[in-house]
């Protein structure tokens, strides 16, 4: 019974996050207080405010990790590729081949006004459901893919703050 109530509670909050919103009433703005200072990755001319308590590991990894939540954010530069082409290719990917499932595909508008595409994918690792958010932004000459992975069971907590973090992205062409 407890598990059923927990499942209903989590599913209610997960469904709230999929509602369409406009920029004027953007709920991700409520999570700005949950973001850390901006981190600039000089190697790829990209910066982002990570969620609080996500750290940059000292391994050369371009992104952030949160070992307690089991979450990570990775940033990948895709030079000489159009962001719209990369987003189209990702949307048309055969997700079943990698035992994953595309949950949603929607437009995202960054705080800077840049438009991109946000994908939500689910997959399993050792019978644990994992949620992946993939944001694809850029220009006709350079694309950035920002990946966030975390346990799907904490999606109601992490999803809104990670989307708020994604919206702080800044890059140079």
N, C-alpha and C. Protein backbone atom coordinates (compact mmCIF):
# COMPACT_ATOMS: atom_id res chain seq x y z
N UNK A 1 0.81 -1.19 0.00
CA UNK A 1 0.00 0.00 0.00
C UNK A 1 0.86 1.26 0.00
N UNK A 2 1.92 1.24 0.84
CA UNK A 2 2.82 2.39 0.89
C UNK A 2 3.46 2.63 -0.48
N UNK A 3 3.87 1.52 -1.14
CA UNK A 3 4.50 1.65 -2.45
C UNK A 3 3.52 2.23 -3.47
N UNK A 4 2.27 1.83 -3.41
CA UNK A 4 1.27 2.34 -4.33
C UNK A 4 1.06 3.83 -4.12
N UNK A 5 0.97 4.26 -2.85
CA UNK A 5 0.81 5.69 -2.57
C UNK A 5 2.01 6.49 -3.03
N UNK A 6 3.21 5.95 -2.81
CA UNK A 6 4.42 6.63 -3.26
C UNK A 6 4.45 6.74 -4.78
N UNK A 7 4.08 5.66 -5.46
CA UNK A 7 4.05 5.67 -6.92
C UNK A 7 3.04 6.69 -7.44
N UNK A 8 1.87 6.75 -6.85
CA UNK A 8 0.87 7.73 -7.26
C UNK A 8 1.36 9.16 -7.02
N UNK A 9 1.98 9.38 -5.87
CA UNK A 9 2.52 10.70 -5.53
C UNK A 9 3.58 11.13 -6.54
N UNK A 10 4.54 10.23 -6.84
CA UNK A 10 5.60 10.55 -7.79
C UNK A 10 5.05 10.74 -9.19
N UNK A 11 4.09 9.93 -9.60
CA UNK A 11 3.52 10.07 -10.93
C UNK A 11 2.75 11.38 -11.07
N UNK A 12 2.11 11.83 -10.00
CA UNK A 12 1.41 13.11 -10.03
C UNK A 12 2.38 14.24 -10.29
N UNK A 13 3.52 14.25 -9.57
CA UNK A 13 4.50 15.31 -9.76
C UNK A 13 5.21 15.20 -11.10
N UNK A 14 5.41 13.99 -11.59
CA UNK A 14 6.04 13.82 -12.90
C UNK A 14 5.14 14.38 -14.00
N UNK A 15 3.84 14.21 -13.86
CA UNK A 15 2.90 14.73 -14.86
C UNK A 15 2.81 16.24 -14.80
N UNK A 16 3.02 16.82 -13.65
CA UNK A 16 3.02 18.28 -13.55
C UNK A 16 4.14 18.89 -14.37
N UNK A 17 5.28 18.22 -14.42
CA UNK A 17 6.43 18.73 -15.13
C UNK A 17 6.29 18.71 -16.63
N UNK A 18 5.32 17.96 -17.18
CA UNK A 18 5.20 17.86 -18.62
C UNK A 18 4.22 18.86 -19.21
N UNK A 19 3.64 19.71 -18.39
CA UNK A 19 2.68 20.69 -18.89
C UNK A 19 3.38 21.77 -19.70
N UNK A 20 2.70 22.28 -20.72
CA UNK A 20 3.26 23.36 -21.53
C UNK A 20 3.20 24.66 -20.74
N UNK A 21 4.26 25.44 -20.82
CA UNK A 21 4.30 26.73 -20.15
C UNK A 21 4.83 27.78 -21.10
N UNK A 22 4.54 29.00 -20.82
CA UNK A 22 5.10 30.09 -21.61
C UNK A 22 6.26 30.70 -20.84
N UNK A 23 7.04 31.53 -21.54
CA UNK A 23 8.20 32.14 -20.89
C UNK A 23 7.77 33.04 -19.74
N UNK A 24 6.61 33.68 -19.85
CA UNK A 24 6.16 34.60 -18.81
C UNK A 24 5.91 33.90 -17.47
N UNK A 25 5.42 32.66 -17.51
CA UNK A 25 5.15 31.93 -16.27
C UNK A 25 6.03 30.68 -16.18
N UNK A 26 7.27 30.81 -16.57
CA UNK A 26 8.22 29.71 -16.60
C UNK A 26 8.53 29.23 -15.18
N UNK A 27 8.13 28.00 -14.83
CA UNK A 27 8.38 27.52 -13.47
C UNK A 27 9.86 27.32 -13.17
N UNK A 28 10.71 27.18 -14.19
CA UNK A 28 12.13 26.99 -13.91
C UNK A 28 12.75 28.23 -13.27
N UNK A 29 12.12 29.39 -13.45
CA UNK A 29 12.63 30.60 -12.80
C UNK A 29 12.55 30.50 -11.28
N UNK A 30 11.60 29.71 -10.77
CA UNK A 30 11.48 29.51 -9.33
C UNK A 30 12.69 28.77 -8.75
N UNK A 31 13.44 28.08 -9.61
CA UNK A 31 14.55 27.26 -9.14
C UNK A 31 15.90 27.97 -9.29
N UNK A 32 15.91 29.24 -9.68
CA UNK A 32 17.16 29.98 -9.81
C UNK A 32 17.93 30.00 -8.49
N UNK A 33 17.23 30.02 -7.38
CA UNK A 33 17.89 30.03 -6.06
C UNK A 33 18.61 28.72 -5.78
N UNK A 34 18.28 27.67 -6.53
CA UNK A 34 18.88 26.36 -6.33
C UNK A 34 20.08 26.11 -7.25
N UNK A 35 20.59 27.19 -7.86
CA UNK A 35 21.71 27.05 -8.78
C UNK A 35 22.99 27.62 -8.18
N UNK A 36 24.11 27.00 -8.52
CA UNK A 36 25.43 27.45 -8.06
C UNK A 36 25.92 28.58 -8.95
N UNK A 37 27.11 29.09 -8.63
CA UNK A 37 27.74 30.11 -9.46
C UNK A 37 28.04 29.54 -10.84
N UNK A 38 28.16 30.41 -11.81
CA UNK A 38 28.44 30.01 -13.19
C UNK A 38 29.84 29.39 -13.28
N UNK A 39 29.94 28.28 -14.01
CA UNK A 39 31.21 27.62 -14.28
C UNK A 39 31.48 27.73 -15.77
N UNK A 40 32.67 28.21 -16.11
CA UNK A 40 33.05 28.36 -17.51
C UNK A 40 34.04 27.26 -17.89
N UNK A 41 33.75 26.56 -18.98
CA UNK A 41 34.64 25.53 -19.51
C UNK A 41 35.35 26.13 -20.71
N UNK A 42 36.57 26.63 -20.47
CA UNK A 42 37.32 27.35 -21.51
C UNK A 42 37.58 26.50 -22.74
N UNK A 43 37.82 25.23 -22.53
CA UNK A 43 38.17 24.34 -23.65
C UNK A 43 37.11 24.35 -24.75
N UNK A 44 35.83 24.53 -24.36
CA UNK A 44 34.76 24.52 -25.35
C UNK A 44 33.97 25.83 -25.38
N UNK A 45 34.44 26.86 -24.67
CA UNK A 45 33.76 28.17 -24.63
C UNK A 45 32.28 28.04 -24.27
N UNK A 46 32.03 27.40 -23.14
CA UNK A 46 30.67 27.12 -22.70
C UNK A 46 30.60 27.35 -21.20
N UNK A 47 29.50 27.94 -20.73
CA UNK A 47 29.33 28.09 -19.29
C UNK A 47 27.91 27.75 -18.89
N UNK A 48 27.78 27.39 -17.62
CA UNK A 48 26.50 26.92 -17.09
C UNK A 48 26.50 27.10 -15.58
N UNK A 49 25.34 27.41 -15.03
CA UNK A 49 25.15 27.37 -13.58
C UNK A 49 24.61 25.99 -13.25
N UNK A 50 25.36 25.21 -12.53
CA UNK A 50 24.91 23.86 -12.18
C UNK A 50 23.93 23.93 -11.01
N UNK A 51 23.15 22.88 -10.81
CA UNK A 51 22.36 22.81 -9.58
C UNK A 51 23.30 22.82 -8.38
N UNK A 52 22.83 23.33 -7.25
CA UNK A 52 23.64 23.33 -6.03
C UNK A 52 24.12 21.92 -5.71
N UNK A 53 25.30 21.82 -5.19
CA UNK A 53 25.92 20.58 -4.73
C UNK A 53 26.39 19.67 -5.87
N UNK A 54 26.25 20.09 -7.12
CA UNK A 54 26.88 19.39 -8.23
C UNK A 54 28.28 20.00 -8.35
N UNK A 55 29.29 19.18 -8.48
CA UNK A 55 30.67 19.68 -8.51
C UNK A 55 31.36 19.29 -9.83
N UNK A 56 32.38 20.05 -10.17
CA UNK A 56 33.21 19.71 -11.33
C UNK A 56 34.28 18.76 -10.82
N UNK A 57 34.31 17.53 -11.33
CA UNK A 57 35.35 16.59 -10.86
C UNK A 57 36.72 17.01 -11.40
N UNK A 58 37.77 16.60 -10.73
CA UNK A 58 39.12 16.98 -11.14
C UNK A 58 39.73 15.97 -12.10
N UNK A 59 38.90 15.33 -12.91
CA UNK A 59 39.36 14.29 -13.83
C UNK A 59 39.45 14.78 -15.27
N UNK A 60 39.11 16.03 -15.53
CA UNK A 60 39.08 16.54 -16.89
C UNK A 60 37.71 16.41 -17.53
N UNK A 61 36.77 15.82 -16.81
CA UNK A 61 35.39 15.66 -17.27
C UNK A 61 34.78 17.04 -17.47
N UNK A 62 34.14 17.28 -18.60
CA UNK A 62 33.50 18.57 -18.86
C UNK A 62 32.05 18.44 -18.41
N UNK A 63 31.80 18.84 -17.19
CA UNK A 63 30.47 18.74 -16.62
C UNK A 63 30.52 18.72 -15.12
N UNK A 64 29.48 18.15 -14.53
CA UNK A 64 29.29 18.16 -13.08
C UNK A 64 28.80 16.80 -12.62
N UNK A 65 29.07 16.48 -11.36
CA UNK A 65 28.53 15.25 -10.77
C UNK A 65 27.98 15.55 -9.38
N UNK A 66 27.06 14.72 -8.97
CA UNK A 66 26.53 14.76 -7.60
C UNK A 66 26.50 13.31 -7.14
N UNK A 67 27.51 12.92 -6.38
CA UNK A 67 27.63 11.51 -6.01
C UNK A 67 26.51 11.05 -5.08
N UNK A 68 25.99 11.93 -4.25
CA UNK A 68 24.91 11.54 -3.34
C UNK A 68 23.61 11.23 -4.07
N UNK A 69 23.30 11.99 -5.10
CA UNK A 69 22.07 11.77 -5.87
C UNK A 69 22.29 10.79 -7.02
N UNK A 70 23.55 10.49 -7.30
CA UNK A 70 23.84 9.60 -8.43
C UNK A 70 23.56 10.29 -9.75
N UNK A 71 23.75 11.60 -9.80
CA UNK A 71 23.45 12.36 -11.01
C UNK A 71 24.69 12.96 -11.63
N UNK A 72 24.58 13.26 -12.91
CA UNK A 72 25.68 13.91 -13.61
C UNK A 72 25.14 14.79 -14.73
N UNK A 73 25.93 15.78 -15.08
CA UNK A 73 25.65 16.64 -16.23
C UNK A 73 26.93 16.68 -17.04
N UNK A 74 26.83 16.35 -18.32
CA UNK A 74 27.99 16.36 -19.21
C UNK A 74 27.71 17.28 -20.39
N UNK A 75 28.74 17.98 -20.85
CA UNK A 75 28.61 18.89 -21.98
C UNK A 75 29.56 18.42 -23.07
N UNK A 76 29.01 18.29 -24.29
CA UNK A 76 29.79 17.82 -25.43
C UNK A 76 29.64 18.83 -26.56
N UNK A 77 30.76 19.24 -27.13
CA UNK A 77 30.75 20.13 -28.28
C UNK A 77 30.74 19.27 -29.55
N UNK A 78 29.88 19.66 -30.49
CA UNK A 78 29.80 18.98 -31.78
C UNK A 78 30.12 20.03 -32.85
N UNK A 79 31.40 20.19 -33.19
CA UNK A 79 31.77 21.25 -34.15
C UNK A 79 31.34 20.90 -35.58
N UNK A 80 31.13 21.95 -36.35
CA UNK A 80 30.81 21.84 -37.78
C UNK A 80 29.50 21.10 -38.06
N UNK A 81 28.60 21.11 -37.11
CA UNK A 81 27.29 20.47 -37.28
C UNK A 81 26.20 21.45 -36.87
N UNK A 82 25.14 21.48 -37.62
CA UNK A 82 23.99 22.33 -37.33
C UNK A 82 23.20 21.76 -36.16
N UNK A 83 22.84 22.63 -35.22
CA UNK A 83 22.07 22.18 -34.06
C UNK A 83 20.74 21.57 -34.48
N UNK A 84 20.09 22.15 -35.48
CA UNK A 84 18.79 21.60 -35.91
C UNK A 84 18.96 20.22 -36.54
N UNK A 85 20.06 19.99 -37.28
CA UNK A 85 20.30 18.66 -37.86
C UNK A 85 20.58 17.63 -36.77
N UNK A 86 21.38 18.01 -35.79
CA UNK A 86 21.69 17.09 -34.69
C UNK A 86 20.41 16.75 -33.92
N UNK A 87 19.56 17.75 -33.67
CA UNK A 87 18.30 17.50 -32.96
C UNK A 87 17.40 16.59 -33.77
N UNK A 88 17.32 16.79 -35.07
CA UNK A 88 16.50 15.91 -35.92
C UNK A 88 17.02 14.48 -35.90
N UNK A 89 18.35 14.32 -35.97
CA UNK A 89 18.94 12.98 -35.92
C UNK A 89 18.65 12.31 -34.58
N UNK A 90 18.75 13.06 -33.50
CA UNK A 90 18.49 12.50 -32.17
C UNK A 90 17.02 12.09 -32.05
N UNK A 91 16.11 12.92 -32.55
CA UNK A 91 14.68 12.63 -32.47
C UNK A 91 14.32 11.37 -33.26
N UNK A 92 15.05 11.12 -34.34
CA UNK A 92 14.76 9.98 -35.19
C UNK A 92 15.60 8.75 -34.87
N UNK A 93 16.37 8.82 -33.81
CA UNK A 93 17.23 7.72 -33.39
C UNK A 93 16.37 6.50 -33.02
N UNK A 94 16.92 5.31 -33.24
CA UNK A 94 16.25 4.07 -32.83
C UNK A 94 16.58 3.80 -31.36
N UNK A 95 15.74 4.27 -30.48
CA UNK A 95 16.00 4.14 -29.05
C UNK A 95 15.89 2.70 -28.56
N UNK A 96 15.10 1.87 -29.25
CA UNK A 96 14.96 0.48 -28.82
C UNK A 96 16.27 -0.28 -28.96
N UNK A 97 17.12 0.13 -29.90
CA UNK A 97 18.41 -0.55 -30.09
C UNK A 97 19.29 -0.43 -28.85
N UNK A 98 19.13 0.66 -28.10
CA UNK A 98 19.93 0.85 -26.89
C UNK A 98 19.12 0.60 -25.62
N UNK A 99 18.01 -0.11 -25.77
CA UNK A 99 17.12 -0.43 -24.65
C UNK A 99 16.69 0.82 -23.88
N UNK A 100 16.40 1.87 -24.63
CA UNK A 100 15.92 3.10 -24.02
C UNK A 100 14.63 3.53 -24.72
N UNK A 101 13.97 4.53 -24.14
CA UNK A 101 12.69 4.97 -24.67
C UNK A 101 12.63 6.49 -24.64
N UNK A 102 12.30 7.09 -25.78
CA UNK A 102 12.12 8.53 -25.85
C UNK A 102 10.79 8.87 -25.20
N UNK A 103 10.83 9.69 -24.16
CA UNK A 103 9.62 10.07 -23.42
C UNK A 103 9.03 11.36 -23.97
N UNK A 104 9.88 12.36 -24.24
CA UNK A 104 9.37 13.62 -24.76
C UNK A 104 10.43 14.34 -25.58
N UNK A 105 9.97 15.25 -26.39
CA UNK A 105 10.81 16.06 -27.27
C UNK A 105 10.11 17.41 -27.36
N UNK A 106 10.77 18.47 -26.85
CA UNK A 106 10.12 19.78 -26.85
C UNK A 106 11.14 20.88 -27.05
N UNK A 107 10.66 22.03 -27.46
CA UNK A 107 11.53 23.20 -27.62
C UNK A 107 11.83 23.77 -26.24
N UNK A 108 13.03 24.35 -26.11
CA UNK A 108 13.43 25.00 -24.87
C UNK A 108 14.00 26.37 -25.24
N UNK A 109 13.69 27.38 -24.46
CA UNK A 109 14.23 28.72 -24.67
C UNK A 109 15.11 29.06 -23.47
N UNK A 110 16.39 29.30 -23.75
CA UNK A 110 17.33 29.64 -22.69
C UNK A 110 17.07 31.05 -22.17
N UNK A 111 17.60 31.36 -21.01
CA UNK A 111 17.45 32.70 -20.43
C UNK A 111 18.00 33.77 -21.36
N UNK A 112 18.97 33.40 -22.20
CA UNK A 112 19.58 34.34 -23.16
C UNK A 112 18.72 34.54 -24.39
N UNK A 113 17.64 33.77 -24.52
CA UNK A 113 16.77 33.86 -25.69
C UNK A 113 17.08 32.85 -26.77
N UNK A 114 18.19 32.13 -26.65
CA UNK A 114 18.56 31.09 -27.62
C UNK A 114 17.55 29.94 -27.52
N UNK A 115 17.14 29.42 -28.68
CA UNK A 115 16.22 28.29 -28.70
C UNK A 115 16.97 26.99 -28.94
N UNK A 116 16.46 25.94 -28.37
CA UNK A 116 17.05 24.62 -28.55
C UNK A 116 15.98 23.56 -28.44
N UNK A 117 16.43 22.32 -28.32
CA UNK A 117 15.51 21.19 -28.19
C UNK A 117 15.88 20.40 -26.95
N UNK A 118 14.87 19.99 -26.20
CA UNK A 118 15.07 19.21 -24.97
C UNK A 118 14.39 17.86 -25.12
N UNK A 119 15.15 16.81 -24.90
CA UNK A 119 14.64 15.44 -24.99
C UNK A 119 14.67 14.82 -23.60
N UNK A 120 13.69 13.97 -23.32
CA UNK A 120 13.70 13.17 -22.09
C UNK A 120 13.67 11.71 -22.52
N UNK A 121 14.63 10.93 -21.99
CA UNK A 121 14.78 9.53 -22.34
C UNK A 121 14.84 8.71 -21.06
N UNK A 122 14.27 7.53 -21.06
CA UNK A 122 14.39 6.60 -19.94
C UNK A 122 15.12 5.35 -20.41
N UNK A 123 15.96 4.82 -19.53
CA UNK A 123 16.63 3.55 -19.78
C UNK A 123 16.91 2.91 -18.43
N UNK A 124 17.28 1.64 -18.44
CA UNK A 124 17.52 0.93 -17.19
C UNK A 124 18.99 0.51 -17.09
N UNK A 125 19.53 0.61 -15.88
CA UNK A 125 20.85 0.10 -15.55
C UNK A 125 20.68 -0.79 -14.34
N UNK A 126 20.98 -2.07 -14.51
CA UNK A 126 20.82 -3.05 -13.44
C UNK A 126 19.44 -2.93 -12.79
N UNK A 127 18.41 -2.93 -13.59
CA UNK A 127 17.00 -2.87 -13.17
C UNK A 127 16.61 -1.57 -12.47
N UNK A 128 17.44 -0.56 -12.55
CA UNK A 128 17.11 0.76 -12.00
C UNK A 128 16.79 1.70 -13.16
N UNK A 129 15.61 2.32 -13.12
CA UNK A 129 15.21 3.24 -14.18
C UNK A 129 15.99 4.55 -14.05
N UNK A 130 16.60 4.97 -15.15
CA UNK A 130 17.39 6.20 -15.19
C UNK A 130 16.73 7.16 -16.17
N UNK A 131 16.71 8.42 -15.78
CA UNK A 131 16.18 9.46 -16.67
C UNK A 131 17.35 10.24 -17.23
N UNK A 132 17.28 10.52 -18.53
CA UNK A 132 18.31 11.34 -19.18
C UNK A 132 17.62 12.52 -19.85
N UNK A 133 18.09 13.71 -19.56
CA UNK A 133 17.67 14.90 -20.27
C UNK A 133 18.79 15.25 -21.24
N UNK A 134 18.43 15.55 -22.47
CA UNK A 134 19.41 15.93 -23.48
C UNK A 134 18.95 17.26 -24.07
N UNK A 135 19.78 18.29 -23.90
CA UNK A 135 19.49 19.58 -24.51
C UNK A 135 20.46 19.77 -25.67
N UNK A 136 19.90 20.12 -26.82
CA UNK A 136 20.71 20.39 -28.01
C UNK A 136 20.51 21.85 -28.39
N UNK A 137 21.62 22.60 -28.35
CA UNK A 137 21.58 24.03 -28.66
C UNK A 137 22.77 24.35 -29.55
N UNK A 138 22.72 25.49 -30.20
CA UNK A 138 23.86 25.92 -30.98
C UNK A 138 23.44 26.71 -32.20
N UNK A 139 24.31 26.68 -33.21
CA UNK A 139 24.12 27.44 -34.44
C UNK A 139 24.23 26.48 -35.62
N UNK A 140 24.34 27.05 -36.81
CA UNK A 140 24.54 26.23 -38.01
C UNK A 140 25.96 25.67 -38.08
N UNK A 141 26.88 26.25 -37.30
CA UNK A 141 28.28 25.86 -37.38
C UNK A 141 28.79 25.09 -36.18
N UNK A 142 28.09 25.17 -35.07
CA UNK A 142 28.54 24.50 -33.86
C UNK A 142 27.34 24.13 -33.00
N UNK A 143 27.39 22.94 -32.45
CA UNK A 143 26.31 22.43 -31.62
C UNK A 143 26.87 21.99 -30.28
N UNK A 144 26.07 22.17 -29.25
CA UNK A 144 26.40 21.65 -27.92
C UNK A 144 25.29 20.70 -27.51
N UNK A 145 25.68 19.56 -26.96
CA UNK A 145 24.73 18.62 -26.37
C UNK A 145 25.03 18.58 -24.88
N UNK A 146 24.01 18.84 -24.08
CA UNK A 146 24.15 18.82 -22.62
C UNK A 146 23.29 17.66 -22.12
N UNK A 147 23.93 16.71 -21.44
CA UNK A 147 23.26 15.51 -20.95
C UNK A 147 23.17 15.54 -19.44
N UNK A 148 22.02 15.23 -18.89
CA UNK A 148 21.88 15.04 -17.44
C UNK A 148 21.32 13.65 -17.22
N UNK A 149 21.95 12.89 -16.36
CA UNK A 149 21.49 11.55 -15.99
C UNK A 149 21.28 11.49 -14.49
N UNK A 150 20.18 10.87 -14.09
CA UNK A 150 19.90 10.71 -12.66
C UNK A 150 18.83 9.63 -12.50
N UNK A 151 18.74 9.04 -11.31
CA UNK A 151 17.71 8.02 -11.09
C UNK A 151 16.31 8.61 -11.33
N UNK A 152 15.50 7.90 -12.09
CA UNK A 152 14.16 8.40 -12.43
C UNK A 152 13.29 8.60 -11.19
N UNK A 153 13.56 7.85 -10.14
CA UNK A 153 12.72 7.98 -8.94
C UNK A 153 12.86 9.36 -8.27
N UNK A 154 13.97 10.08 -8.56
CA UNK A 154 14.11 11.42 -7.98
C UNK A 154 13.86 12.52 -9.02
N UNK A 155 13.27 12.13 -10.13
CA UNK A 155 12.96 13.09 -11.18
C UNK A 155 12.09 14.25 -10.71
N UNK A 156 11.07 14.02 -9.90
CA UNK A 156 10.25 15.16 -9.47
C UNK A 156 11.06 16.23 -8.73
N UNK A 157 12.16 15.84 -8.10
CA UNK A 157 12.99 16.79 -7.37
C UNK A 157 14.05 17.40 -8.29
N UNK A 158 14.75 16.56 -9.06
CA UNK A 158 15.88 17.04 -9.86
C UNK A 158 15.49 17.64 -11.21
N UNK A 159 14.47 17.13 -11.86
CA UNK A 159 14.12 17.58 -13.20
C UNK A 159 13.93 19.09 -13.30
N UNK A 160 13.14 19.73 -12.45
CA UNK A 160 12.94 21.18 -12.60
C UNK A 160 14.21 21.99 -12.37
N UNK A 161 15.06 21.60 -11.43
CA UNK A 161 16.27 22.37 -11.18
C UNK A 161 17.30 22.13 -12.28
N UNK A 162 17.33 20.95 -12.86
CA UNK A 162 18.25 20.71 -13.97
C UNK A 162 17.81 21.49 -15.21
N UNK A 163 16.52 21.56 -15.45
CA UNK A 163 16.04 22.37 -16.57
C UNK A 163 16.38 23.84 -16.33
N UNK A 164 16.23 24.31 -15.10
CA UNK A 164 16.62 25.69 -14.77
C UNK A 164 18.12 25.89 -15.02
N UNK A 165 18.92 24.90 -14.69
CA UNK A 165 20.36 24.95 -14.93
C UNK A 165 20.64 25.00 -16.44
N UNK A 166 20.01 24.14 -17.20
CA UNK A 166 20.19 24.11 -18.65
C UNK A 166 19.90 25.49 -19.26
N UNK A 167 18.89 26.16 -18.73
CA UNK A 167 18.48 27.45 -19.30
C UNK A 167 19.50 28.56 -19.06
N UNK A 168 20.49 28.32 -18.20
CA UNK A 168 21.53 29.33 -17.94
C UNK A 168 22.71 29.18 -18.89
N UNK A 169 22.66 28.22 -19.80
CA UNK A 169 23.78 27.96 -20.69
C UNK A 169 24.12 29.18 -21.55
N UNK A 170 25.42 29.43 -21.65
CA UNK A 170 25.95 30.48 -22.53
C UNK A 170 27.10 29.87 -23.32
N UNK A 171 27.20 30.22 -24.59
CA UNK A 171 28.29 29.69 -25.41
C UNK A 171 28.70 30.73 -26.44
N UNK A 172 29.91 30.54 -26.94
CA UNK A 172 30.44 31.41 -27.98
C UNK A 172 30.51 30.61 -29.28
N UNK A 173 30.17 31.28 -30.38
CA UNK A 173 30.17 30.60 -31.66
C UNK A 173 31.56 30.37 -32.17
